[in-house]
Amino acid sequence: MDLKEIQNLIRFVAKSGASEVKLEMDDVKITIKTGSEDTKETTYVQQIPVNTAPIPAVPVNTTTQATSAPDNNKDEAPKSASNTESNPNHITIKSPIIGTLYRKPSPDKPVFVEVGDTIKEGDVLCIIEAMKLFNEIESEVSGTIVKVLVDDSSPVEFDEPLFIVDPS
């Protein structure tokens, strides 16, 4: 089962209103749980493949994203970060899964990447914990980290932007 099929299954379960769906195949076991009406709706996915290879981050070119609304406050100086996001050459690396993002391999270690770091394809950018499984998120592009869009130990959704990379 590939990532697209899992994403479609998540969407289907979320729209159906089911509270839990379990799917077991030869090499994959998936459980999708949605939160009750009392809590904020959340979808959890657990995939246990036969071999546990790191999950690659899916780079997305920022030109395919919708632009943000213009800032109505004319007194503020424009932020340089907004200029980097509008650069059509920059690539946005998005979360391939839902979970809690950790920028460090452990609390006493330094972060995997910082703004200005040069990365290459296959470098670990962060870890996302999903259902007690720690998934290393690897870069599928080479370049320089322009912006880090998430904080350490913060929850992330599927397809949420994590890093902006300048591939040049």
C-alpha atoms as a PDB file:
ATOM      1  CA  MET A   1       0.000   0.000   0.000  1.00  0.00           C
ATOM      2  CA  ASP A   2       1.548   3.307  -1.026  1.00  0.00           C
ATOM      3  CA  LEU A   3       1.246   6.747   0.582  1.00  0.00           C
ATOM      4  CA  LYS A   4      -1.455   7.960  -1.851  1.00  0.00           C
ATOM      5  CA  GLU A   5      -3.686   4.992  -1.051  1.00  0.00           C
ATOM      6  CA  ILE A   6      -3.254   5.610   2.694  1.00  0.00           C
ATOM      7  CA  GLN A   7      -4.084   9.305   2.256  1.00  0.00           C
ATOM      8  CA  ASN A   8      -7.228   8.438   0.296  1.00  0.00           C
ATOM      9  CA  LEU A   9      -8.224   5.945   2.991  1.00  0.00           C
ATOM     10  CA  ILE A  10      -7.775   8.605   5.706  1.00  0.00           C
ATOM     11  CA  ARG A  11      -9.958  11.057   3.777  1.00  0.00           C
ATOM     12  CA  PHE A  12     -12.620   8.400   3.225  1.00  0.00           C
ATOM     13  CA  VAL A  13     -12.710   7.427   6.914  1.00  0.00           C
ATOM     14  CA  ALA A  14     -12.847  11.088   8.007  1.00  0.00           C
ATOM     15  CA  LYS A  15     -15.815  11.771   5.700  1.00  0.00           C
ATOM     16  CA  SER A  16     -17.628   8.562   6.642  1.00  0.00           C
ATOM     17  CA  GLY A  17     -17.904   9.485  10.315  1.00  0.00           C
ATOM     18  CA  ALA A  18     -16.501   6.129  11.474  1.00  0.00           C
ATOM     19  CA  SER A  19     -14.630   6.301  14.770  1.00  0.00           C
ATOM     20  CA  GLU A  20     -12.126   3.529  14.008  1.00  0.00           C
ATOM     21  CA  VAL A  21     -11.079   1.447  10.998  1.00  0.00           C
ATOM     22  CA  LYS A  22      -8.539  -1.385  11.010  1.00  0.00           C
ATOM     23  CA  LEU A  23      -6.995  -2.768   7.839  1.00  0.00           C
ATOM     24  CA  GLU A  24      -4.563  -5.683   7.780  1.00  0.00           C
ATOM     25  CA  MET A  25      -2.789  -6.915   4.685  1.00  0.00           C
ATOM     26  CA  ASP A  26       0.222  -9.176   4.185  1.00  0.00           C
ATOM     27  CA  ASP A  27       2.891  -6.539   4.823  1.00  0.00           C
ATOM     28  CA  VAL A  28       0.898  -3.650   6.325  1.00  0.00           C
ATOM     29  CA  LYS A  29      -1.328  -3.121   9.342  1.00  0.00           C
ATOM     30  CA  ILE A  30      -3.186   0.203   9.462  1.00  0.00           C
ATOM     31  CA  THR A  31      -5.449   1.537  12.200  1.00  0.00           C
ATOM     32  CA  ILE A  32      -7.242   4.844  11.660  1.00  0.00           C
ATOM     33  CA  LYS A  33      -8.965   6.408  14.667  1.00  0.00           C
ATOM     34  CA  THR A  34     -10.883   9.657  14.661  1.00  0.00           C
ATOM     35  CA  GLY A  35     -11.509  11.666  17.828  1.00  0.00           C
ATOM     36  CA  SER A  36     -14.932  11.759  19.467  1.00  0.00           C
ATOM     37  CA  GLU A  37     -17.263  14.750  19.181  1.00  0.00           C
ATOM     38  CA  ASP A  38     -16.164  15.881  22.683  1.00  0.00           C
ATOM     39  CA  THR A  39     -12.585  16.433  21.536  1.00  0.00           C
ATOM     40  CA  LYS A  40     -11.009  18.151  18.595  1.00  0.00           C
ATOM     41  CA  GLU A  41     -11.299  15.797  15.631  1.00  0.00           C
ATOM     42  CA  THR A  42      -8.020  14.003  15.097  1.00  0.00           C
ATOM     43  CA  THR A  43      -7.006  11.178  12.802  1.00  0.00           C
ATOM     44  CA  TYR A  44      -4.325   8.718  13.841  1.00  0.00           C
ATOM     45  CA  VAL A  45      -2.636   6.298  11.490  1.00  0.00           C
ATOM     46  CA  GLN A  46      -0.371   3.416  12.355  1.00  0.00           C
ATOM     47  CA  GLN A  47       1.395   1.607   9.572  1.00  0.00           C
ATOM     48  CA  ILE A  48       3.670  -1.285  10.460  1.00  0.00           C
ATOM     49  CA  PRO A  49       5.629  -2.291   7.363  1.00  0.00           C
ATOM     50  CA  VAL A  50       7.730  -5.452   7.194  1.00  0.00           C
ATOM     51  CA  ASN A  51      10.943  -3.432   6.892  1.00  0.00           C
ATOM     52  CA  THR A  52      11.136  -0.114   8.772  1.00  0.00           C
ATOM     53  CA  ALA A  53      12.860   2.229   6.338  1.00  0.00           C
ATOM     54  CA  PRO A  54      12.895   5.997   6.973  1.00  0.00           C
ATOM     55  CA  ILE A  55       9.995   7.923   5.465  1.00  0.00           C
ATOM     56  CA  PRO A  56      11.137  10.449   2.848  1.00  0.00           C
ATOM     57  CA  ALA A  57       9.794  13.969   3.095  1.00  0.00           C
ATOM     58  CA  VAL A  58       7.873  14.988   0.021  1.00  0.00           C
ATOM     59  CA  PRO A  59       9.216  18.236  -1.454  1.00  0.00           C
ATOM     60  CA  VAL A  60       6.656  20.540  -2.993  1.00  0.00           C
ATOM     61  CA  ASN A  61       7.526  23.524  -5.136  1.00  0.00           C
ATOM     62  CA  THR A  62       6.077  26.657  -3.537  1.00  0.00           C
ATOM     63  CA  THR A  63       4.721  27.889  -6.867  1.00  0.00           C
ATOM     64  CA  THR A  64       1.917  25.310  -6.556  1.00  0.00           C
ATOM     65  CA  GLN A  65       0.762  26.710  -3.218  1.00  0.00           C
ATOM     66  CA  ALA A  66      -1.843  29.416  -2.799  1.00  0.00           C
ATOM     67  CA  THR A  67      -0.397  32.773  -1.848  1.00  0.00           C
ATOM     68  CA  SER A  68      -1.152  34.230   1.552  1.00  0.00           C
ATOM     69  CA  ALA A  69      -3.481  37.195   2.023  1.00  0.00           C
ATOM     70  CA  PRO A  70      -1.823  40.608   1.750  1.00  0.00           C
ATOM     71  CA  ASP A  71      -0.884  42.357   4.967  1.00  0.00           C
ATOM     72  CA  ASN A  72      -3.230  45.276   5.579  1.00  0.00           C
ATOM     73  CA  ASN A  73      -0.938  46.901   8.139  1.00  0.00           C
ATOM     74  CA  LYS A  74       1.200  49.294   6.057  1.00  0.00           C
ATOM     75  CA  ASP A  75       3.198  50.576   9.072  1.00  0.00           C
ATOM     76  CA  GLU A  76       5.132  47.344   9.540  1.00  0.00           C
ATOM     77  CA  ALA A  77       8.260  46.711   7.517  1.00  0.00           C
ATOM     78  CA  PRO A  78       8.003  43.640   5.299  1.00  0.00           C
ATOM     79  CA  LYS A  79       9.596  40.571   6.826  1.00  0.00           C
ATOM     80  CA  SER A  80      12.429  38.909   4.963  1.00  0.00           C
ATOM     81  CA  ALA A  81      10.808  35.517   5.606  1.00  0.00           C
ATOM     82  CA  SER A  82       7.849  36.463   3.444  1.00  0.00           C
ATOM     83  CA  ASN A  83      10.270  37.280   0.635  1.00  0.00           C
ATOM     84  CA  THR A  84      11.855  33.837   0.873  1.00  0.00           C
ATOM     85  CA  GLU A  85       8.470  32.101   0.720  1.00  0.00           C
ATOM     86  CA  SER A  86       7.540  33.898  -2.486  1.00  0.00           C
ATOM     87  CA  ASN A  87      10.751  32.880  -4.272  1.00  0.00           C
ATOM     88  CA  PRO A  88       9.637  30.469  -7.008  1.00  0.00           C
ATOM     89  CA  ASN A  89      12.967  28.607  -6.827  1.00  0.00           C
ATOM     90  CA  HIS A  90      12.464  27.591  -3.198  1.00  0.00           C
ATOM     91  CA  ILE A  91      11.033  24.181  -2.373  1.00  0.00           C
ATOM     92  CA  THR A  92       8.710  23.540   0.556  1.00  0.00           C
ATOM     93  CA  ILE A  93       9.226  20.219   2.313  1.00  0.00           C
ATOM     94  CA  LYS A  94       5.938  18.997   3.761  1.00  0.00           C
ATOM     95  CA  SER A  95       5.076  16.396   6.378  1.00  0.00           C
ATOM     96  CA  PRO A  96       4.348  12.977   4.881  1.00  0.00           C
ATOM     97  CA  ILE A  97       2.477  11.860   8.029  1.00  0.00           C
ATOM     98  CA  ILE A  98       0.524  13.091  11.060  1.00  0.00           C
ATOM     99  CA  GLY A  99       2.274  13.139  14.421  1.00  0.00           C
ATOM    100  CA  THR A 100       4.524  15.042  16.795  1.00  0.00           C
ATOM    101  CA  LEU A 101       7.591  16.594  15.188  1.00  0.00           C
ATOM    102  CA  TYR A 102      10.942  16.538  16.961  1.00  0.00           C
ATOM    103  CA  ARG A 103      13.815  18.592  15.581  1.00  0.00           C
ATOM    104  CA  LYS A 104      16.393  16.720  17.740  1.00  0.00           C
ATOM    105  CA  PRO A 105      17.254  13.013  17.938  1.00  0.00           C
ATOM    106  CA  SER A 106      17.023  13.310  21.755  1.00  0.00           C
ATOM    107  CA  PRO A 107      16.557  16.191  24.233  1.00  0.00           C
ATOM    108  CA  ASP A 108      20.283  16.493  24.963  1.00  0.00           C
ATOM    109  CA  LYS A 109      21.381  16.470  21.291  1.00  0.00           C
ATOM    110  CA  PRO A 110      21.518  19.393  18.825  1.00  0.00           C
ATOM    111  CA  VAL A 111      18.814  19.875  16.178  1.00  0.00           C
ATOM    112  CA  PHE A 112      19.098  17.973  12.909  1.00  0.00           C
ATOM    113  CA  VAL A 113      19.069  21.122  10.727  1.00  0.00           C
ATOM    114  CA  GLU A 114      19.087  24.902  11.237  1.00  0.00           C
ATOM    115  CA  VAL A 115      18.510  27.842   8.912  1.00  0.00           C
ATOM    116  CA  GLY A 116      21.572  28.175   6.675  1.00  0.00           C
ATOM    117  CA  ASP A 117      22.565  24.496   6.871  1.00  0.00           C
ATOM    118  CA  THR A 118      23.409  22.773   3.611  1.00  0.00           C
ATOM    119  CA  ILE A 119      21.559  19.493   3.163  1.00  0.00           C
ATOM    120  CA  LYS A 120      21.752  16.743   0.604  1.00  0.00           C
ATOM    121  CA  GLU A 121      19.306  14.111  -0.512  1.00  0.00           C
ATOM    122  CA  GLY A 122      18.854  11.491   2.222  1.00  0.00           C
ATOM    123  CA  ASP A 123      19.809  13.758   5.159  1.00  0.00           C
ATOM    124  CA  VAL A 124      17.520  13.425   8.183  1.00  0.00           C
ATOM    125  CA  LEU A 125      15.624  16.697   8.730  1.00  0.00           C
ATOM    126  CA  CYS A 126      13.519  15.742  11.756  1.00  0.00           C
ATOM    127  CA  ILE A 127      11.642  12.901  13.430  1.00  0.00           C
ATOM    128  CA  ILE A 128       7.863  12.552  13.492  1.00  0.00           C
ATOM    129  CA  GLU A 129       6.358  10.357  16.177  1.00  0.00           C
ATOM    130  CA  ALA A 130       3.131   8.678  15.127  1.00  0.00           C
ATOM    131  CA  MET A 131       1.469   6.088  17.364  1.00  0.00           C
ATOM    132  CA  LYS A 132       4.659   5.497  19.382  1.00  0.00           C
ATOM    133  CA  LEU A 133       6.684   4.958  16.188  1.00  0.00           C
ATOM    134  CA  PHE A 134       9.539   7.390  15.516  1.00  0.00           C
ATOM    135  CA  ASN A 135       9.887   8.047  11.776  1.00  0.00           C
ATOM    136  CA  GLU A 136      12.997   9.771  10.450  1.00  0.00           C
ATOM    137  CA  ILE A 137      12.007  12.296   7.794  1.00  0.00           C
ATOM    138  CA  GLU A 138      14.656  12.443   5.088  1.00  0.00           C
ATOM    139  CA  SER A 139      15.190  15.144   2.493  1.00  0.00           C
ATOM    140  CA  GLU A 140      14.528  14.279  -1.129  1.00  0.00           C
ATOM    141  CA  VAL A 141      16.300  17.439  -2.308  1.00  0.00           C
ATOM    142  CA  SER A 142      19.712  19.011  -1.871  1.00  0.00           C
ATOM    143  CA  GLY A 143      20.158  22.657  -1.002  1.00  0.00           C
ATOM    144  CA  THR A 144      20.221  25.148   1.866  1.00  0.00           C
ATOM    145  CA  ILE A 145      17.617  25.463   4.614  1.00  0.00           C
ATOM    146  CA  VAL A 146      16.032  28.914   4.196  1.00  0.00           C
ATOM    147  CA  LYS A 147      13.349  28.676   6.863  1.00  0.00           C
ATOM    148  CA  VAL A 148      12.181  26.257   9.555  1.00  0.00           C
ATOM    149  CA  LEU A 149       8.387  26.464   9.794  1.00  0.00           C
ATOM    150  CA  VAL A 150       7.753  24.263  12.862  1.00  0.00           C
ATOM    151  CA  ASP A 151       8.843  24.237  16.483  1.00  0.00           C
ATOM    152  CA  ASP A 152      10.330  21.281  18.324  1.00  0.00           C
ATOM    153  CA  SER A 153       7.783  18.942  19.942  1.00  0.00           C
ATOM    154  CA  SER A 154       4.880  20.434  18.010  1.00  0.00           C
ATOM    155  CA  PRO A 155       2.035  18.477  16.420  1.00  0.00           C
ATOM    156  CA  VAL A 156       2.000  18.392  12.618  1.00  0.00           C
ATOM    157  CA  GLU A 157      -0.685  17.420  10.152  1.00  0.00           C
ATOM    158  CA  PHE A 158      -0.303  15.534   6.900  1.00  0.00           C
ATOM    159  CA  ASP A 159       0.984  17.823   4.124  1.00  0.00           C
ATOM    160  CA  GLU A 160       1.877  20.631   6.579  1.00  0.00           C
ATOM    161  CA  PRO A 161       4.880  22.704   5.431  1.00  0.00           C
ATOM    162  CA  LEU A 162       7.962  21.965   7.573  1.00  0.00           C
ATOM    163  CA  PHE A 163      11.002  23.509   5.860  1.00  0.00           C
ATOM    164  CA  ILE A 164      11.770  25.829   2.964  1.00  0.00           C
ATOM    165  CA  VAL A 165      14.861  24.853   0.968  1.00  0.00           C
ATOM    166  CA  ASP A 166      16.814  26.777  -1.661  1.00  0.00           C
ATOM    167  CA  PRO A 167      17.979  24.074  -4.099  1.00  0.00           C
ATOM    168  CA  SER A 168      20.586  26.282  -5.800  1.00  0.00           C
END
